[in-house]
Amino acid sequence: MKTSGAVLAGVLLVACGSDAGTPGTDFTCDSSQDRSGVYLVHSVERPGGTCGALTDGLTRFDGGMAVQQSDTQCEALVPTTVTDSGCTFANSLRCAGTDGSVSDVTGTTTQLDASGAKLDGIFSETVTLADGYSCSSTYDVTYTRQ
């Protein structure tokens, strides 16, 4: 089953965001300043997942937060946690689509350079469609500012 990659990718880009190195050691992170603009999101499903591959897509950030899509409403299940360096964020969200689907998404993202142009992450999702069908998968995700 193919789920809405743009929804999942967008909600999980709540990390911080050009000098490569060790996040929090070789550079500092400022999520509201580093991450803004449009990012290409690429996800690879880990073995054992039942949701299937996600289509690469674009997501927009404004002031460090993903701009929510009009066809999806998301709420935090727990407060977002941030490492002391400000470079890694973890969050857990529930998103409801206008089609009756519900996605529970938990993941982390880490800023890989001082500019915020490159982020890596991992997230797990459980999707339940309006007809009761559900699936679960874990994805490795990369975000590249365009």
C-alpha atoms as a PDB file:
ATOM      1  CA  MET A   1       0.000   0.000   0.000  1.00  0.00           C
ATOM      2  CA  LYS A   2       1.283   3.463  -0.773  1.00  0.00           C
ATOM      3  CA  THR A   3       0.649   6.066   1.885  1.00  0.00           C
ATOM      4  CA  SER A   4       0.940   9.810   1.652  1.00  0.00           C
ATOM      5  CA  GLY A   5       4.690  10.357   1.728  1.00  0.00           C
ATOM      6  CA  ALA A   6       4.294  14.119   1.709  1.00  0.00           C
ATOM      7  CA  VAL A   7       2.228  13.975   4.890  1.00  0.00           C
ATOM      8  CA  LEU A   8       4.685  11.779   6.745  1.00  0.00           C
ATOM      9  CA  ALA A   9       7.768  13.508   5.478  1.00  0.00           C
ATOM     10  CA  GLY A  10       6.424  16.936   6.243  1.00  0.00           C
ATOM     11  CA  VAL A  11       5.405  16.190   9.798  1.00  0.00           C
ATOM     12  CA  LEU A  12       8.744  14.718  10.664  1.00  0.00           C
ATOM     13  CA  LEU A  13      10.984  17.478   9.423  1.00  0.00           C
ATOM     14  CA  VAL A  14      10.841  18.991  12.867  1.00  0.00           C
ATOM     15  CA  ALA A  15      14.592  18.757  13.334  1.00  0.00           C
ATOM     16  CA  CYS A  16      17.170  21.522  13.219  1.00  0.00           C
ATOM     17  CA  GLY A  17      18.894  22.681  10.146  1.00  0.00           C
ATOM     18  CA  SER A  18      27.507  24.719   4.927  1.00  0.00           C
ATOM     19  CA  ASP A  19      29.727  22.995   7.111  1.00  0.00           C
ATOM     20  CA  ALA A  20      29.549  19.210   7.548  1.00  0.00           C
ATOM     21  CA  GLY A  21      30.648  17.590  10.758  1.00  0.00           C
ATOM     22  CA  THR A  22      29.296  16.208  13.994  1.00  0.00           C
ATOM     23  CA  PRO A  23      25.981  17.826  14.953  1.00  0.00           C
ATOM     24  CA  GLY A  24      26.292  19.847  18.152  1.00  0.00           C
ATOM     25  CA  THR A  25      30.087  19.413  18.225  1.00  0.00           C
ATOM     26  CA  ASP A  26      31.439  20.808  14.955  1.00  0.00           C
ATOM     27  CA  PHE A  27      28.500  23.207  14.504  1.00  0.00           C
ATOM     28  CA  THR A  28      25.428  24.419  16.340  1.00  0.00           C
ATOM     29  CA  CYS A  29      21.820  24.160  15.254  1.00  0.00           C
ATOM     30  CA  ASP A  30      19.048  26.737  15.254  1.00  0.00           C
ATOM     31  CA  SER A  31      15.889  25.125  13.922  1.00  0.00           C
ATOM     32  CA  SER A  32      13.989  28.366  13.386  1.00  0.00           C
ATOM     33  CA  GLN A  33      16.822  29.936  11.389  1.00  0.00           C
ATOM     34  CA  ASP A  34      18.485  26.950   9.716  1.00  0.00           C
ATOM     35  CA  ARG A  35      15.466  25.186   8.289  1.00  0.00           C
ATOM     36  CA  SER A  36      13.372  27.165   5.902  1.00  0.00           C
ATOM     37  CA  GLY A  37      12.424  26.743   2.290  1.00  0.00           C
ATOM     38  CA  VAL A  38      11.556  23.684   0.247  1.00  0.00           C
ATOM     39  CA  TYR A  39      13.077  20.249   0.898  1.00  0.00           C
ATOM     40  CA  LEU A  40      13.090  17.143  -1.257  1.00  0.00           C
ATOM     41  CA  VAL A  41      12.148  14.195   0.952  1.00  0.00           C
ATOM     42  CA  HIS A  42      13.351  10.690   0.071  1.00  0.00           C
ATOM     43  CA  SER A  43      12.257   7.663   2.135  1.00  0.00           C
ATOM     44  CA  VAL A  44      13.413   4.033   2.049  1.00  0.00           C
ATOM     45  CA  GLU A  45      11.232   1.430   3.743  1.00  0.00           C
ATOM     46  CA  ARG A  46      13.081  -0.975   6.029  1.00  0.00           C
ATOM     47  CA  PRO A  47      12.556  -4.739   5.604  1.00  0.00           C
ATOM     48  CA  GLY A  48       9.419  -6.102   7.241  1.00  0.00           C
ATOM     49  CA  GLY A  49       7.256  -3.060   6.576  1.00  0.00           C
ATOM     50  CA  THR A  50       3.758  -3.536   5.202  1.00  0.00           C
ATOM     51  CA  CYS A  51       2.913  -0.005   3.988  1.00  0.00           C
ATOM     52  CA  GLY A  52       5.173   0.015   0.933  1.00  0.00           C
ATOM     53  CA  ALA A  53       7.429   2.559  -0.692  1.00  0.00           C
ATOM     54  CA  LEU A  54       6.697   6.270  -0.340  1.00  0.00           C
ATOM     55  CA  THR A  55       6.946   8.599  -3.309  1.00  0.00           C
ATOM     56  CA  ASP A  56       9.641  11.269  -3.106  1.00  0.00           C
ATOM     57  CA  GLY A  57       8.071  14.656  -2.550  1.00  0.00           C
ATOM     58  CA  LEU A  58       8.585  18.243  -1.552  1.00  0.00           C
ATOM     59  CA  THR A  59       7.735  19.827   1.773  1.00  0.00           C
ATOM     60  CA  ARG A  60       8.000  23.482   2.769  1.00  0.00           C
ATOM     61  CA  PHE A  61       9.353  24.862   6.032  1.00  0.00           C
ATOM     62  CA  ASP A  62       8.736  28.283   7.448  1.00  0.00           C
ATOM     63  CA  GLY A  63      10.604  29.245  10.622  1.00  0.00           C
ATOM     64  CA  GLY A  64      11.664  25.678  11.343  1.00  0.00           C
ATOM     65  CA  MET A  65       8.192  24.139  11.219  1.00  0.00           C
ATOM     66  CA  ALA A  66       6.581  22.235   8.362  1.00  0.00           C
ATOM     67  CA  VAL A  67       3.757  24.053   6.650  1.00  0.00           C
ATOM     68  CA  GLN A  68       0.788  21.752   7.138  1.00  0.00           C
ATOM     69  CA  GLN A  69      -1.037  20.479   4.071  1.00  0.00           C
ATOM     70  CA  SER A  70      -4.671  21.443   3.646  1.00  0.00           C
ATOM     71  CA  ASP A  71      -5.807  17.808   3.316  1.00  0.00           C
ATOM     72  CA  THR A  72      -4.257  16.687   6.625  1.00  0.00           C
ATOM     73  CA  GLN A  73      -4.720  17.684  10.259  1.00  0.00           C
ATOM     74  CA  CYS A  74      -1.955  16.647  12.674  1.00  0.00           C
ATOM     75  CA  GLU A  75      -1.643  16.830  16.447  1.00  0.00           C
ATOM     76  CA  ALA A  76       1.271  16.032  18.738  1.00  0.00           C
ATOM     77  CA  LEU A  77       0.784  12.913  20.855  1.00  0.00           C
ATOM     78  CA  VAL A  78       3.607  13.990  23.185  1.00  0.00           C
ATOM     79  CA  PRO A  79       5.674  17.181  23.303  1.00  0.00           C
ATOM     80  CA  THR A  80       8.584  17.321  20.857  1.00  0.00           C
ATOM     81  CA  THR A  81      11.924  16.612  22.523  1.00  0.00           C
ATOM     82  CA  VAL A  82      15.156  18.306  21.471  1.00  0.00           C
ATOM     83  CA  THR A  83      18.726  17.273  22.264  1.00  0.00           C
ATOM     84  CA  ASP A  84      20.931  19.744  24.160  1.00  0.00           C
ATOM     85  CA  SER A  85      22.746  20.548  20.903  1.00  0.00           C
ATOM     86  CA  GLY A  86      19.456  21.460  19.257  1.00  0.00           C
ATOM     87  CA  CYS A  87      20.362  19.226  16.311  1.00  0.00           C
ATOM     88  CA  THR A  88      18.093  16.230  16.873  1.00  0.00           C
ATOM     89  CA  PHE A  89      14.359  16.394  17.379  1.00  0.00           C
ATOM     90  CA  ALA A  90      12.007  13.535  18.252  1.00  0.00           C
ATOM     91  CA  ASN A  91       8.272  13.716  17.902  1.00  0.00           C
ATOM     92  CA  SER A  92       5.141  11.625  17.793  1.00  0.00           C
ATOM     93  CA  LEU A  93       2.111  12.752  15.809  1.00  0.00           C
ATOM     94  CA  ARG A  94      -1.352  11.613  14.829  1.00  0.00           C
ATOM     95  CA  CYS A  95      -2.531  12.868  11.454  1.00  0.00           C
ATOM     96  CA  ALA A  96      -6.057  12.589  10.117  1.00  0.00           C
ATOM     97  CA  GLY A  97      -6.697  12.889   6.392  1.00  0.00           C
ATOM     98  CA  THR A  98      -9.871  14.214   4.850  1.00  0.00           C
ATOM     99  CA  ASP A  99     -10.291  10.733   3.319  1.00  0.00           C
ATOM    100  CA  GLY A 100     -10.827   9.221   6.788  1.00  0.00           C
ATOM    101  CA  SER A 101      -7.315   7.801   7.128  1.00  0.00           C
ATOM    102  CA  VAL A 102      -5.340   8.113  10.368  1.00  0.00           C
ATOM    103  CA  SER A 103      -1.529   7.952  10.571  1.00  0.00           C
ATOM    104  CA  ASP A 104       0.399   7.594  13.817  1.00  0.00           C
ATOM    105  CA  VAL A 105       3.987   8.671  13.161  1.00  0.00           C
ATOM    106  CA  THR A 106       6.958   8.589  15.546  1.00  0.00           C
ATOM    107  CA  GLY A 107      10.466   9.576  14.547  1.00  0.00           C
ATOM    108  CA  THR A 108      13.653  11.563  14.894  1.00  0.00           C
ATOM    109  CA  THR A 109      15.510  13.877  12.536  1.00  0.00           C
ATOM    110  CA  THR A 110      19.062  15.169  12.822  1.00  0.00           C
ATOM    111  CA  GLN A 111      20.643  18.169  11.113  1.00  0.00           C
ATOM    112  CA  LEU A 112      23.794  17.136   9.230  1.00  0.00           C
ATOM    113  CA  ASP A 113      25.323  20.528   8.392  1.00  0.00           C
ATOM    114  CA  ALA A 114      25.458  24.032   9.813  1.00  0.00           C
ATOM    115  CA  SER A 115      23.157  25.506   7.170  1.00  0.00           C
ATOM    116  CA  GLY A 116      20.302  23.065   7.645  1.00  0.00           C
ATOM    117  CA  ALA A 117      20.435  22.030   3.989  1.00  0.00           C
ATOM    118  CA  LYS A 118      20.746  18.307   4.787  1.00  0.00           C
ATOM    119  CA  LEU A 119      18.837  16.253   7.372  1.00  0.00           C
ATOM    120  CA  ASP A 120      18.570  12.535   8.074  1.00  0.00           C
ATOM    121  CA  GLY A 121      15.897  10.757  10.009  1.00  0.00           C
ATOM    122  CA  ILE A 122      14.033   7.608  10.817  1.00  0.00           C
ATOM    123  CA  PHE A 123      10.329   7.246  11.411  1.00  0.00           C
ATOM    124  CA  SER A 124       7.813   4.549  12.094  1.00  0.00           C
ATOM    125  CA  GLU A 125       4.212   4.792  11.032  1.00  0.00           C
ATOM    126  CA  THR A 126       0.971   2.935  11.449  1.00  0.00           C
ATOM    127  CA  VAL A 127      -1.693   3.891   8.930  1.00  0.00           C
ATOM    128  CA  THR A 128      -5.353   2.979   9.265  1.00  0.00           C
ATOM    129  CA  LEU A 129      -7.648   3.650   6.318  1.00  0.00           C
ATOM    130  CA  ALA A 130     -11.348   4.477   6.596  1.00  0.00           C
ATOM    131  CA  ASP A 131     -12.233   0.909   5.548  1.00  0.00           C
ATOM    132  CA  GLY A 132     -10.260  -0.505   8.511  1.00  0.00           C
ATOM    133  CA  TYR A 133      -7.197  -1.690   6.567  1.00  0.00           C
ATOM    134  CA  SER A 134      -3.945  -0.918   8.411  1.00  0.00           C
ATOM    135  CA  CYS A 135      -0.221  -1.250   7.836  1.00  0.00           C
ATOM    136  CA  SER A 136       3.010  -0.496   9.708  1.00  0.00           C
ATOM    137  CA  SER A 137       6.466   0.434   8.394  1.00  0.00           C
ATOM    138  CA  THR A 138       9.738   2.059   9.404  1.00  0.00           C
ATOM    139  CA  TYR A 139      11.569   4.362   6.984  1.00  0.00           C
ATOM    140  CA  ASP A 140      15.036   5.889   6.685  1.00  0.00           C
ATOM    141  CA  VAL A 141      14.519   9.439   5.429  1.00  0.00           C
ATOM    142  CA  THR A 142      16.750  12.138   3.919  1.00  0.00           C
ATOM    143  CA  TYR A 143      15.790  15.786   3.451  1.00  0.00           C
ATOM    144  CA  THR A 144      17.691  18.002   0.993  1.00  0.00           C
ATOM    145  CA  ARG A 145      16.939  21.719   0.649  1.00  0.00           C
ATOM    146  CA  GLN A 146      16.217  22.635  -2.956  1.00  0.00           C
END
